[in-house]
Amino acid sequence: MKLHSSSKVAVCLIGALVTSPLTVLAQGVTGYSGQATALKATALGISITLADTGPLPGTGGSITRDLPSINVARLLTATALHSETSGSGNSSQSNTHLASLTILNLVKASGISTSTTATCSGSAASTSGDAEFVTLSIAGQQIVNANPNLAISLPGGIAVIVNEQTSSGDGGNTAQTTVNALHITAPGVDIVVGSSHSDITCP
Protein backbone atom coordinates (compact mmCIF):
# COMPACT_ATOMS: atom_id res chain seq x y z
CA MET A 1 0.00 0.00 0.00
CA LYS A 2 1.32 3.42 -0.96
CA LEU A 3 1.07 6.38 1.42
CA HIS A 4 0.20 9.83 0.18
CA SER A 5 2.58 12.59 1.24
CA SER A 6 0.12 13.83 3.86
CA SER A 7 -0.11 10.33 5.33
CA LYS A 8 3.67 10.09 5.49
CA VAL A 9 3.82 13.35 7.41
CA ALA A 10 1.22 12.08 9.88
CA VAL A 11 3.18 8.86 10.45
CA CYS A 12 6.36 10.85 11.09
CA LEU A 13 4.59 13.10 13.59
CA ILE A 14 3.16 10.12 15.47
CA GLY A 15 6.58 8.49 15.58
CA ALA A 16 8.13 11.67 16.98
CA LEU A 17 5.48 11.97 19.68
CA VAL A 18 5.99 8.36 20.74
CA THR A 19 9.78 8.31 20.77
CA SER A 20 10.71 11.80 21.96
CA PRO A 21 9.50 11.46 25.59
CA LEU A 22 11.36 8.18 25.94
CA THR A 23 14.56 9.79 24.69
CA VAL A 24 14.21 12.68 27.13
CA LEU A 25 13.66 10.31 30.03
CA ALA A 26 16.73 8.26 29.12
CA GLN A 27 18.88 11.37 28.99
CA GLY A 28 17.46 12.80 32.23
CA VAL A 29 18.11 9.88 34.59
CA THR A 30 20.33 10.42 37.66
CA GLY A 31 22.99 7.73 38.14
CA TYR A 32 23.84 6.68 41.70
CA SER A 33 26.82 4.84 43.16
CA GLY A 34 27.99 4.18 46.69
CA GLN A 35 29.35 1.66 49.18
CA ALA A 36 29.89 1.53 52.92
CA THR A 37 32.16 -0.87 54.82
CA ALA A 38 32.59 -0.86 58.58
CA LEU A 39 35.92 -2.70 58.57
CA LYS A 40 38.26 -4.36 56.08
CA ALA A 41 41.69 -5.74 56.80
CA THR A 42 44.45 -7.66 55.09
CA ALA A 43 47.27 -9.23 57.09
CA LEU A 44 49.67 -12.01 56.17
CA GLY A 45 47.69 -12.68 52.99
CA ILE A 46 44.39 -13.12 54.83
CA SER A 47 41.57 -10.65 54.16
CA ILE A 48 38.35 -9.93 56.05
CA THR A 49 35.54 -7.54 55.18
CA LEU A 50 32.85 -6.80 57.76
CA ALA A 51 29.45 -5.06 57.57
CA ASP A 52 29.91 -4.31 53.87
CA THR A 53 26.94 -3.08 51.82
CA GLY A 54 28.52 -3.93 48.49
CA PRO A 55 28.01 -1.56 45.56
CA LEU A 56 24.80 0.47 45.33
CA PRO A 57 22.90 -0.19 42.06
CA GLY A 58 23.01 2.60 39.52
CA THR A 59 19.25 2.99 39.90
CA GLY A 60 19.61 3.76 43.62
CA GLY A 61 17.77 2.20 46.55
CA SER A 62 19.06 1.47 50.05
CA ILE A 63 21.35 -1.21 51.53
CA THR A 64 22.14 -1.68 55.24
CA ARG A 65 24.50 -4.11 56.98
CA ASP A 66 25.03 -4.68 60.72
CA LEU A 67 27.31 -6.86 62.81
CA PRO A 68 27.05 -7.01 66.64
CA SER A 69 30.75 -7.60 67.31
CA ILE A 70 34.02 -9.07 66.04
CA ASN A 71 37.02 -10.48 67.88
CA VAL A 72 39.99 -11.65 65.82
CA ALA A 73 42.24 -13.57 68.20
CA ARG A 74 42.06 -10.60 70.57
CA LEU A 75 44.27 -8.69 68.14
CA LEU A 76 41.33 -6.72 66.74
CA THR A 77 37.99 -6.19 68.43
CA ALA A 78 35.03 -4.02 67.48
CA THR A 79 31.39 -3.68 68.56
CA ALA A 80 28.12 -2.53 66.94
CA LEU A 81 29.36 -2.29 63.37
CA HIS A 82 26.91 -0.56 61.01
CA SER A 83 27.05 0.53 57.38
CA GLU A 84 24.49 1.97 55.00
CA THR A 85 24.38 3.35 51.46
CA SER A 86 21.44 4.79 49.55
CA GLY A 87 20.52 6.83 46.50
CA SER A 88 17.32 8.64 45.53
CA GLY A 89 16.12 12.00 44.33
CA ASN A 90 19.09 14.31 43.76
CA SER A 91 21.63 12.67 46.09
CA SER A 92 23.41 9.52 47.22
CA GLN A 93 24.64 8.98 50.78
CA SER A 94 26.78 6.47 52.67
CA ASN A 95 27.63 6.19 56.35
CA THR A 96 29.31 3.86 58.83
CA HIS A 97 29.42 3.58 62.61
CA LEU A 98 31.35 1.49 65.14
CA ALA A 99 30.65 1.76 68.86
CA SER A 100 34.18 0.72 69.85
CA LEU A 101 37.44 -0.45 68.31
CA THR A 102 40.71 -1.84 69.62
CA ILE A 103 43.68 -2.89 67.49
CA LEU A 104 46.43 -4.40 69.64
CA ASN A 105 47.73 -1.64 71.89
CA LEU A 106 47.98 0.65 68.90
CA VAL A 107 44.49 2.05 68.38
CA LYS A 108 41.63 2.51 70.80
CA ALA A 109 38.52 4.41 69.75
CA SER A 110 34.83 4.84 70.48
CA GLY A 111 31.92 6.42 68.64
CA ILE A 112 33.55 6.13 65.23
CA SER A 113 31.45 7.40 62.32
CA THR A 114 31.88 8.47 58.71
CA SER A 115 29.47 9.99 56.20
CA THR A 116 29.60 10.99 52.54
CA THR A 117 27.07 12.69 50.27
CA ALA A 118 27.04 13.34 46.52
CA THR A 119 24.42 15.82 45.34
CA CYS A 120 23.02 17.16 42.08
CA SER A 121 22.10 20.83 41.89
CA GLY A 122 20.59 20.94 38.46
CA SER A 123 23.26 19.35 36.28
CA ALA A 124 26.14 20.29 38.64
CA ALA A 125 27.51 17.61 40.98
CA SER A 126 29.14 18.24 44.36
CA THR A 127 30.25 16.13 47.34
CA SER A 128 30.86 16.39 51.06
CA GLY A 129 32.01 14.03 53.82
CA ASP A 130 33.72 13.74 57.18
CA ALA A 131 34.74 11.38 59.99
CA GLU A 132 34.08 11.81 63.71
CA PHE A 133 35.28 10.12 66.90
CA VAL A 134 34.00 10.36 70.46
CA THR A 135 37.44 9.23 71.67
CA LEU A 136 40.57 8.24 69.77
CA SER A 137 44.05 7.30 70.96
CA ILE A 138 46.93 6.11 68.80
CA ALA A 139 49.98 4.58 70.47
CA GLY A 140 48.81 6.08 73.77
CA GLN A 141 48.40 9.59 72.36
CA GLN A 142 44.97 11.19 72.50
CA ILE A 143 43.83 12.63 69.18
CA VAL A 144 41.60 15.61 69.90
CA ASN A 145 41.13 17.10 66.42
CA ALA A 146 40.57 14.56 63.65
CA ASN A 147 41.47 16.95 60.84
CA PRO A 148 41.17 15.56 57.30
CA ASN A 149 44.13 13.41 56.20
CA LEU A 150 45.96 13.64 59.52
CA ALA A 151 49.06 11.45 59.01
CA ILE A 152 50.84 9.77 61.93
CA SER A 153 54.08 7.79 61.52
CA LEU A 154 55.08 5.20 64.11
CA PRO A 155 58.11 2.94 64.58
CA GLY A 156 58.25 -0.30 62.61
CA GLY A 157 57.00 1.22 59.38
CA ILE A 158 53.49 1.74 60.75
CA ALA A 159 51.49 4.62 59.26
CA VAL A 160 48.06 5.85 60.31
CA ILE A 161 45.87 8.30 58.42
CA VAL A 162 42.98 9.74 60.41
CA ASN A 163 39.88 11.00 58.58
CA GLU A 164 41.31 10.04 55.18
CA GLN A 165 39.44 11.91 52.43
CA THR A 166 39.68 11.66 48.65
CA SER A 167 37.45 13.32 46.07
CA SER A 168 37.30 13.63 42.31
CA GLY A 169 35.03 15.04 39.63
CA ASP A 170 35.08 16.51 36.17
CA GLY A 171 33.84 19.91 37.30
CA GLY A 172 30.52 19.13 35.69
CA ASN A 173 27.82 16.54 36.17
CA THR A 174 29.81 13.81 37.96
CA ALA A 175 31.56 13.76 41.33
CA GLN A 176 32.64 11.21 43.94
CA THR A 177 34.17 11.15 47.40
CA THR A 178 35.47 8.58 49.89
CA VAL A 179 36.05 9.02 53.62
CA ASN A 180 37.89 6.45 55.77
CA ALA A 181 37.83 7.00 59.52
CA LEU A 182 41.21 5.25 59.87
CA HIS A 183 43.65 3.79 57.36
CA ILE A 184 46.45 1.81 58.99
CA THR A 185 49.33 0.32 57.02
CA ALA A 186 52.41 -1.65 58.06
CA PRO A 187 54.58 -4.26 56.35
CA GLY A 188 52.10 -6.89 55.15
CA VAL A 189 49.15 -5.14 56.83
CA ASP A 190 46.41 -2.87 55.49
CA ILE A 191 43.41 -1.96 57.67
CA VAL A 192 40.58 0.44 56.78
CA VAL A 193 38.06 1.38 59.47
CA GLY A 194 34.75 3.03 58.57
CA SER A 195 34.83 3.54 54.81
CA SER A 196 32.02 5.56 53.18
CA HIS A 197 31.88 6.20 49.43
CA SER A 198 29.35 8.18 47.40
CA ASP A 199 29.21 9.38 43.83
CA ILE A 200 26.60 10.64 41.44
CA THR A 201 26.05 11.44 37.78
CA CYS A 202 23.59 14.28 37.24
CA PRO A 203 21.24 14.42 34.25
C-alpha atoms as a PDB file:
ATOM      1  CA  MET A   1       0.000   0.000   0.000  1.00  0.00           C
ATOM      2  CA  LYS A   2       1.320   3.418  -0.956  1.00  0.00           C
ATOM      3  CA  LEU A   3       1.067   6.377   1.417  1.00  0.00           C
ATOM      4  CA  HIS A   4       0.202   9.827   0.180  1.00  0.00           C
ATOM      5  CA  SER A   5       2.582  12.593   1.244  1.00  0.00           C
ATOM      6  CA  SER A   6       0.119  13.825   3.865  1.00  0.00           C
ATOM      7  CA  SER A   7      -0.106  10.327   5.333  1.00  0.00           C
ATOM      8  CA  LYS A   8       3.668  10.085   5.485  1.00  0.00           C
ATOM      9  CA  VAL A   9       3.824  13.352   7.413  1.00  0.00           C
ATOM     10  CA  ALA A  10       1.218  12.082   9.882  1.00  0.00           C
ATOM     11  CA  VAL A  11       3.181   8.862  10.450  1.00  0.00           C
ATOM     12  CA  CYS A  12       6.360  10.852  11.088  1.00  0.00           C
ATOM     13  CA  LEU A  13       4.588  13.096  13.587  1.00  0.00           C
ATOM     14  CA  ILE A  14       3.155  10.121  15.471  1.00  0.00           C
ATOM     15  CA  GLY A  15       6.580   8.491  15.577  1.00  0.00           C
ATOM     16  CA  ALA A  16       8.125  11.669  16.984  1.00  0.00           C
ATOM     17  CA  LEU A  17       5.482  11.966  19.677  1.00  0.00           C
ATOM     18  CA  VAL A  18       5.988   8.357  20.736  1.00  0.00           C
ATOM     19  CA  THR A  19       9.780   8.308  20.773  1.00  0.00           C
ATOM     20  CA  SER A  20      10.714  11.803  21.963  1.00  0.00           C
ATOM     21  CA  PRO A  21       9.497  11.464  25.585  1.00  0.00           C
ATOM     22  CA  LEU A  22      11.365   8.177  25.938  1.00  0.00           C
ATOM     23  CA  THR A  23      14.564   9.795  24.694  1.00  0.00           C
ATOM     24  CA  VAL A  24      14.209  12.685  27.131  1.00  0.00           C
ATOM     25  CA  LEU A  25      13.663  10.309  30.026  1.00  0.00           C
ATOM     26  CA  ALA A  26      16.728   8.260  29.118  1.00  0.00           C
ATOM     27  CA  GLN A  27      18.878  11.370  28.987  1.00  0.00           C
ATOM     28  CA  GLY A  28      17.462  12.799  32.232  1.00  0.00           C
ATOM     29  CA  VAL A  29      18.111   9.885  34.594  1.00  0.00           C
ATOM     30  CA  THR A  30      20.327  10.418  37.655  1.00  0.00           C
ATOM     31  CA  GLY A  31      22.992   7.733  38.142  1.00  0.00           C
ATOM     32  CA  TYR A  32      23.839   6.683  41.705  1.00  0.00           C
ATOM     33  CA  SER A  33      26.821   4.844  43.161  1.00  0.00           C
ATOM     34  CA  GLY A  34      27.993   4.176  46.691  1.00  0.00           C
ATOM     35  CA  GLN A  35      29.349   1.659  49.179  1.00  0.00           C
ATOM     36  CA  ALA A  36      29.888   1.526  52.918  1.00  0.00           C
ATOM     37  CA  THR A  37      32.161  -0.871  54.815  1.00  0.00           C
ATOM     38  CA  ALA A  38      32.590  -0.865  58.578  1.00  0.00           C
ATOM     39  CA  LEU A  39      35.924  -2.700  58.569  1.00  0.00           C
ATOM     40  CA  LYS A  40      38.255  -4.363  56.083  1.00  0.00           C
ATOM     41  CA  ALA A  41      41.687  -5.741  56.803  1.00  0.00           C
ATOM     42  CA  THR A  42      44.453  -7.665  55.089  1.00  0.00           C
ATOM     43  CA  ALA A  43      47.266  -9.234  57.092  1.00  0.00           C
ATOM     44  CA  LEU A  44      49.671 -12.007  56.172  1.00  0.00           C
ATOM     45  CA  GLY A  45      47.690 -12.680  52.994  1.00  0.00           C
ATOM     46  CA  ILE A  46      44.390 -13.118  54.835  1.00  0.00           C
ATOM     47  CA  SER A  47      41.575 -10.647  54.162  1.00  0.00           C
ATOM     48  CA  ILE A  48      38.351  -9.931  56.046  1.00  0.00           C
ATOM     49  CA  THR A  49      35.536  -7.541  55.178  1.00  0.00           C
ATOM     50  CA  LEU A  50      32.851  -6.801  57.763  1.00  0.00           C
ATOM     51  CA  ALA A  51      29.454  -5.062  57.567  1.00  0.00           C
ATOM     52  CA  ASP A  52      29.915  -4.306  53.867  1.00  0.00           C
ATOM     53  CA  THR A  53      26.941  -3.083  51.822  1.00  0.00           C
ATOM     54  CA  GLY A  54      28.520  -3.935  48.486  1.00  0.00           C
ATOM     55  CA  PRO A  55      28.006  -1.556  45.558  1.00  0.00           C
ATOM     56  CA  LEU A  56      24.800   0.465  45.325  1.00  0.00           C
ATOM     57  CA  PRO A  57      22.897  -0.189  42.060  1.00  0.00           C
ATOM     58  CA  GLY A  58      23.007   2.605  39.519  1.00  0.00           C
ATOM     59  CA  THR A  59      19.246   2.993  39.902  1.00  0.00           C
ATOM     60  CA  GLY A  60      19.606   3.763  43.622  1.00  0.00           C
ATOM     61  CA  GLY A  61      17.774   2.201  46.552  1.00  0.00           C
ATOM     62  CA  SER A  62      19.061   1.466  50.054  1.00  0.00           C
ATOM     63  CA  ILE A  63      21.350  -1.213  51.534  1.00  0.00           C
ATOM     64  CA  THR A  64      22.142  -1.675  55.239  1.00  0.00           C
ATOM     65  CA  ARG A  65      24.495  -4.111  56.981  1.00  0.00           C
ATOM     66  CA  ASP A  66      25.032  -4.675  60.716  1.00  0.00           C
ATOM     67  CA  LEU A  67      27.314  -6.863  62.813  1.00  0.00           C
ATOM     68  CA  PRO A  68      27.054  -7.005  66.637  1.00  0.00           C
ATOM     69  CA  SER A  69      30.754  -7.597  67.314  1.00  0.00           C
ATOM     70  CA  ILE A  70      34.019  -9.065  66.035  1.00  0.00           C
ATOM     71  CA  ASN A  71      37.015 -10.477  67.883  1.00  0.00           C
ATOM     72  CA  VAL A  72      39.991 -11.647  65.823  1.00  0.00           C
ATOM     73  CA  ALA A  73      42.242 -13.575  68.201  1.00  0.00           C
ATOM     74  CA  ARG A  74      42.060 -10.595  70.569  1.00  0.00           C
ATOM     75  CA  LEU A  75      44.270  -8.690  68.137  1.00  0.00           C
ATOM     76  CA  LEU A  76      41.335  -6.719  66.737  1.00  0.00           C
ATOM     77  CA  THR A  77      37.987  -6.191  68.431  1.00  0.00           C
ATOM     78  CA  ALA A  78      35.030  -4.023  67.480  1.00  0.00           C
ATOM     79  CA  THR A  79      31.391  -3.682  68.559  1.00  0.00           C
ATOM     80  CA  ALA A  80      28.124  -2.533  66.936  1.00  0.00           C
ATOM     81  CA  LEU A  81      29.355  -2.293  63.365  1.00  0.00           C
ATOM     82  CA  HIS A  82      26.913  -0.555  61.013  1.00  0.00           C
ATOM     83  CA  SER A  83      27.048   0.526  57.379  1.00  0.00           C
ATOM     84  CA  GLU A  84      24.485   1.969  55.003  1.00  0.00           C
ATOM     85  CA  THR A  85      24.379   3.352  51.457  1.00  0.00           C
ATOM     86  CA  SER A  86      21.437   4.794  49.545  1.00  0.00           C
ATOM     87  CA  GLY A  87      20.517   6.833  46.504  1.00  0.00           C
ATOM     88  CA  SER A  88      17.318   8.637  45.532  1.00  0.00           C
ATOM     89  CA  GLY A  89      16.122  12.005  44.334  1.00  0.00           C
ATOM     90  CA  ASN A  90      19.089  14.308  43.757  1.00  0.00           C
ATOM     91  CA  SER A  91      21.631  12.672  46.093  1.00  0.00           C
ATOM     92  CA  SER A  92      23.414   9.520  47.216  1.00  0.00           C
ATOM     93  CA  GLN A  93      24.643   8.980  50.780  1.00  0.00           C
ATOM     94  CA  SER A  94      26.776   6.470  52.673  1.00  0.00           C
ATOM     95  CA  ASN A  95      27.634   6.185  56.349  1.00  0.00           C
ATOM     96  CA  THR A  96      29.313   3.861  58.833  1.00  0.00           C
ATOM     97  CA  HIS A  97      29.420   3.578  62.609  1.00  0.00           C
ATOM     98  CA  LEU A  98      31.349   1.488  65.138  1.00  0.00           C
ATOM     99  CA  ALA A  99      30.645   1.764  68.861  1.00  0.00           C
ATOM    100  CA  SER A 100      34.178   0.722  69.851  1.00  0.00           C
ATOM    101  CA  LEU A 101      37.441  -0.446  68.305  1.00  0.00           C
ATOM    102  CA  THR A 102      40.712  -1.838  69.619  1.00  0.00           C
ATOM    103  CA  ILE A 103      43.682  -2.888  67.488  1.00  0.00           C
ATOM    104  CA  LEU A 104      46.430  -4.404  69.643  1.00  0.00           C
ATOM    105  CA  ASN A 105      47.734  -1.642  71.893  1.00  0.00           C
ATOM    106  CA  LEU A 106      47.984   0.646  68.900  1.00  0.00           C
ATOM    107  CA  VAL A 107      44.492   2.049  68.376  1.00  0.00           C
ATOM    108  CA  LYS A 108      41.627   2.515  70.796  1.00  0.00           C
ATOM    109  CA  ALA A 109      38.519   4.412  69.748  1.00  0.00           C
ATOM    110  CA  SER A 110      34.832   4.841  70.481  1.00  0.00           C
ATOM    111  CA  GLY A 111      31.924   6.418  68.641  1.00  0.00           C
ATOM    112  CA  ILE A 112      33.553   6.134  65.225  1.00  0.00           C
ATOM    113  CA  SER A 113      31.454   7.397  62.320  1.00  0.00           C
ATOM    114  CA  THR A 114      31.878   8.470  58.712  1.00  0.00           C
ATOM    115  CA  SER A 115      29.474   9.987  56.204  1.00  0.00           C
ATOM    116  CA  THR A 116      29.598  10.995  52.543  1.00  0.00           C
ATOM    117  CA  THR A 117      27.073  12.693  50.265  1.00  0.00           C
ATOM    118  CA  ALA A 118      27.044  13.336  46.523  1.00  0.00           C
ATOM    119  CA  THR A 119      24.423  15.825  45.336  1.00  0.00           C
ATOM    120  CA  CYS A 120      23.021  17.156  42.080  1.00  0.00           C
ATOM    121  CA  SER A 121      22.102  20.827  41.891  1.00  0.00           C
ATOM    122  CA  GLY A 122      20.592  20.936  38.456  1.00  0.00           C
ATOM    123  CA  SER A 123      23.262  19.351  36.284  1.00  0.00           C
ATOM    124  CA  ALA A 124      26.139  20.291  38.637  1.00  0.00           C
ATOM    125  CA  ALA A 125      27.507  17.607  40.980  1.00  0.00           C
ATOM    126  CA  SER A 126      29.135  18.235  44.360  1.00  0.00           C
ATOM    127  CA  THR A 127      30.246  16.127  47.339  1.00  0.00           C
ATOM    128  CA  SER A 128      30.861  16.389  51.065  1.00  0.00           C
ATOM    129  CA  GLY A 129      32.006  14.034  53.824  1.00  0.00           C
ATOM    130  CA  ASP A 130      33.717  13.735  57.181  1.00  0.00           C
ATOM    131  CA  ALA A 131      34.744  11.378  59.992  1.00  0.00           C
ATOM    132  CA  GLU A 132      34.079  11.813  63.714  1.00  0.00           C
ATOM    133  CA  PHE A 133      35.278  10.117  66.905  1.00  0.00           C
ATOM    134  CA  VAL A 134      34.002  10.359  70.464  1.00  0.00           C
ATOM    135  CA  THR A 135      37.443   9.229  71.671  1.00  0.00           C
ATOM    136  CA  LEU A 136      40.570   8.236  69.773  1.00  0.00           C
ATOM    137  CA  SER A 137      44.046   7.301  70.960  1.00  0.00           C
ATOM    138  CA  ILE A 138      46.926   6.109  68.801  1.00  0.00           C
ATOM    139  CA  ALA A 139      49.979   4.576  70.472  1.00  0.00           C
ATOM    140  CA  GLY A 140      48.805   6.080  73.767  1.00  0.00           C
ATOM    141  CA  GLN A 141      48.403   9.588  72.357  1.00  0.00           C
ATOM    142  CA  GLN A 142      44.969  11.189  72.501  1.00  0.00           C
ATOM    143  CA  ILE A 143      43.826  12.635  69.179  1.00  0.00           C
ATOM    144  CA  VAL A 144      41.599  15.614  69.895  1.00  0.00           C
ATOM    145  CA  ASN A 145      41.132  17.101  66.420  1.00  0.00           C
ATOM    146  CA  ALA A 146      40.571  14.561  63.652  1.00  0.00           C
ATOM    147  CA  ASN A 147      41.468  16.947  60.840  1.00  0.00           C
ATOM    148  CA  PRO A 148      41.175  15.557  57.295  1.00  0.00           C
ATOM    149  CA  ASN A 149      44.130  13.409  56.204  1.00  0.00           C
ATOM    150  CA  LEU A 150      45.956  13.643  59.522  1.00  0.00           C
ATOM    151  CA  ALA A 151      49.056  11.454  59.011  1.00  0.00           C
ATOM    152  CA  ILE A 152      50.845   9.772  61.927  1.00  0.00           C
ATOM    153  CA  SER A 153      54.079   7.789  61.521  1.00  0.00           C
ATOM    154  CA  LEU A 154      55.078   5.201  64.106  1.00  0.00           C
ATOM    155  CA  PRO A 155      58.106   2.939  64.581  1.00  0.00           C
ATOM    156  CA  GLY A 156      58.251  -0.302  62.606  1.00  0.00           C
ATOM    157  CA  GLY A 157      56.997   1.220  59.376  1.00  0.00           C
ATOM    158  CA  ILE A 158      53.485   1.742  60.748  1.00  0.00           C
ATOM    159  CA  ALA A 159      51.486   4.619  59.260  1.00  0.00           C
ATOM    160  CA  VAL A 160      48.056   5.853  60.311  1.00  0.00           C
ATOM    161  CA  ILE A 161      45.865   8.299  58.423  1.00  0.00           C
ATOM    162  CA  VAL A 162      42.977   9.739  60.414  1.00  0.00           C
ATOM    163  CA  ASN A 163      39.882  11.003  58.579  1.00  0.00           C
ATOM    164  CA  GLU A 164      41.306  10.039  55.182  1.00  0.00           C
ATOM    165  CA  GLN A 165      39.437  11.914  52.427  1.00  0.00           C
ATOM    166  CA  THR A 166      39.684  11.663  48.645  1.00  0.00           C
ATOM    167  CA  SER A 167      37.448  13.318  46.072  1.00  0.00           C
ATOM    168  CA  SER A 168      37.298  13.627  42.306  1.00  0.00           C
ATOM    169  CA  GLY A 169      35.029  15.039  39.626  1.00  0.00           C
ATOM    170  CA  ASP A 170      35.084  16.510  36.170  1.00  0.00           C
ATOM    171  CA  GLY A 171      33.838  19.905  37.300  1.00  0.00           C
ATOM    172  CA  GLY A 172      30.519  19.133  35.688  1.00  0.00           C
ATOM    173  CA  ASN A 173      27.815  16.542  36.167  1.00  0.00           C
ATOM    174  CA  THR A 174      29.810  13.815  37.964  1.00  0.00           C
ATOM    175  CA  ALA A 175      31.564  13.761  41.333  1.00  0.00           C
ATOM    176  CA  GLN A 176      32.640  11.214  43.943  1.00  0.00           C
ATOM    177  CA  THR A 177      34.165  11.150  47.401  1.00  0.00           C
ATOM    178  CA  THR A 178      35.467   8.578  49.890  1.00  0.00           C
ATOM    179  CA  VAL A 179      36.048   9.018  53.623  1.00  0.00           C
ATOM    180  CA  ASN A 180      37.895   6.452  55.772  1.00  0.00           C
ATOM    181  CA  ALA A 181      37.832   6.997  59.524  1.00  0.00           C
ATOM    182  CA  LEU A 182      41.213   5.246  59.870  1.00  0.00           C
ATOM    183  CA  HIS A 183      43.651   3.787  57.363  1.00  0.00           C
ATOM    184  CA  ILE A 184      46.453   1.814  58.988  1.00  0.00           C
ATOM    185  CA  THR A 185      49.330   0.323  57.022  1.00  0.00           C
ATOM    186  CA  ALA A 186      52.413  -1.653  58.056  1.00  0.00           C
ATOM    187  CA  PRO A 187      54.584  -4.257  56.350  1.00  0.00           C
ATOM    188  CA  GLY A 188      52.098  -6.889  55.147  1.00  0.00           C
ATOM    189  CA  VAL A 189      49.150  -5.137  56.832  1.00  0.00           C
ATOM    190  CA  ASP A 190      46.413  -2.869  55.494  1.00  0.00           C
ATOM    191  CA  ILE A 191      43.408  -1.963  57.665  1.00  0.00           C
ATOM    192  CA  VAL A 192      40.585   0.437  56.777  1.00  0.00           C
ATOM    193  CA  VAL A 193      38.059   1.382  59.466  1.00  0.00           C
ATOM    194  CA  GLY A 194      34.750   3.033  58.570  1.00  0.00           C
ATOM    195  CA  SER A 195      34.827   3.541  54.808  1.00  0.00           C
ATOM    196  CA  SER A 196      32.022   5.564  53.179  1.00  0.00           C
ATOM    197  CA  HIS A 197      31.876   6.204  49.425  1.00  0.00           C
ATOM    198  CA  SER A 198      29.348   8.180  47.398  1.00  0.00           C
ATOM    199  CA  ASP A 199      29.212   9.378  43.825  1.00  0.00           C
ATOM    200  CA  ILE A 200      26.601  10.644  41.439  1.00  0.00           C
ATOM    201  CA  THR A 201      26.048  11.438  37.777  1.00  0.00           C
ATOM    202  CA  CYS A 202      23.594  14.278  37.239  1.00  0.00           C
ATOM    203  CA  PRO A 203      21.239  14.417  34.249  1.00  0.00           C
END
